[in-house]
Amino acid sequence: MLATPSELNLDEIRKTIREQPGIHDVHHMHLWPVSESDLHFEGHITVEDQLLSQVSLLRGQIEIVLLDKFDINHTTLQF
């Protein structure tokens, strides 16, 4: 079974996501490697009441931050 890579900390990922404007919380997080260069993340995100178009922009911002800071190249986010 694949597990969270030991060099990554889910608490740090949670903190990074929660620092984004409009995010209330992130929970039910999973992180696993599919290969040496393919890292997947999924999480449930709670946000302020806002338009779907704003949530779509927020999703893109989270994906960029996760790629830049943690090298996570595949995300599944549920809002």
Protein backbone atom coordinates (compact mmCIF):
# COMPACT_ATOMS: atom_id res chain seq x y z
CA MET A 1 0.00 0.00 0.00
CA LEU A 2 1.25 3.48 -0.86
CA ALA A 3 1.66 5.94 2.01
CA THR A 4 2.29 9.63 2.49
CA PRO A 5 5.93 10.33 1.64
CA SER A 6 7.87 10.75 4.89
CA GLU A 7 9.43 14.04 3.79
CA LEU A 8 5.99 15.67 3.46
CA ASN A 9 3.88 16.77 6.40
CA LEU A 10 0.09 16.87 6.06
CA ASP A 11 -0.13 19.50 8.81
CA GLU A 12 2.14 21.79 6.77
CA ILE A 13 0.02 21.17 3.65
CA ARG A 14 -3.16 21.94 5.65
CA LYS A 15 -1.58 25.16 6.98
CA THR A 16 -0.53 26.23 3.48
CA ILE A 17 -4.01 25.66 2.05
CA ARG A 18 -5.69 27.46 4.97
CA GLU A 19 -3.46 30.51 4.33
CA GLN A 20 -5.25 31.07 1.02
CA PRO A 21 -7.87 33.87 1.17
CA GLY A 22 -11.42 32.57 1.56
CA ILE A 23 -10.48 29.13 2.95
CA HIS A 24 -12.08 28.13 6.25
CA ASP A 25 -10.72 24.61 6.61
CA VAL A 26 -9.33 21.56 4.85
CA HIS A 27 -9.96 18.04 6.10
CA HIS A 28 -10.17 14.41 4.93
CA MET A 29 -6.77 14.79 3.27
CA HIS A 30 -4.91 12.01 1.50
CA LEU A 31 -1.48 12.18 -0.12
CA TRP A 32 0.19 9.32 -1.97
CA PRO A 33 2.86 8.72 -4.61
CA VAL A 34 1.83 7.00 -7.82
CA SER A 35 5.40 6.94 -9.13
CA GLU A 36 8.68 8.70 -8.37
CA SER A 37 7.50 11.78 -10.25
CA ASP A 38 3.73 11.62 -9.72
CA LEU A 39 2.31 12.75 -6.36
CA HIS A 40 -1.45 12.85 -5.77
CA PHE A 41 -3.42 14.81 -3.16
CA GLU A 42 -7.10 14.91 -2.32
CA GLY A 43 -8.91 16.94 0.28
CA HIS A 44 -12.22 18.45 1.30
CA ILE A 45 -12.13 22.25 1.40
CA THR A 46 -14.62 24.53 3.18
CA VAL A 47 -14.80 28.12 1.95
CA GLU A 48 -16.66 31.35 2.58
CA ASP A 49 -19.98 31.70 0.77
CA GLN A 50 -18.97 32.82 -2.74
CA LEU A 51 -19.73 32.44 -6.43
CA LEU A 52 -18.73 29.23 -8.20
CA SER A 53 -16.46 31.23 -10.50
CA GLN A 54 -14.54 32.45 -7.45
CA VAL A 55 -14.24 28.90 -6.11
CA SER A 56 -12.86 27.82 -9.49
CA LEU A 57 -10.16 30.51 -9.25
CA LEU A 58 -9.42 29.45 -5.69
CA ARG A 59 -9.03 25.83 -6.84
CA GLY A 60 -6.46 26.94 -9.40
CA GLN A 61 -4.55 28.95 -6.79
CA ILE A 62 -4.43 25.96 -4.43
CA GLU A 63 -3.20 23.68 -7.22
CA ILE A 64 -0.39 26.13 -8.09
CA VAL A 65 0.70 26.46 -4.44
CA LEU A 66 0.70 22.68 -3.92
CA LEU A 67 2.79 22.17 -7.05
CA ASP A 68 5.25 24.97 -6.28
CA LYS A 69 5.72 24.26 -2.58
CA PHE A 70 5.26 20.48 -2.31
CA ASP A 71 5.70 19.15 -5.88
CA ILE A 72 2.14 17.76 -5.80
CA ASN A 73 1.19 17.45 -9.47
CA HIS A 74 -2.30 15.93 -9.25
CA THR A 75 -5.04 17.28 -7.00
CA THR A 76 -8.63 16.35 -6.35
CA LEU A 77 -10.38 19.02 -4.30
CA GLN A 78 -13.96 18.83 -3.09
CA PHE A 79 -15.64 22.08 -2.02
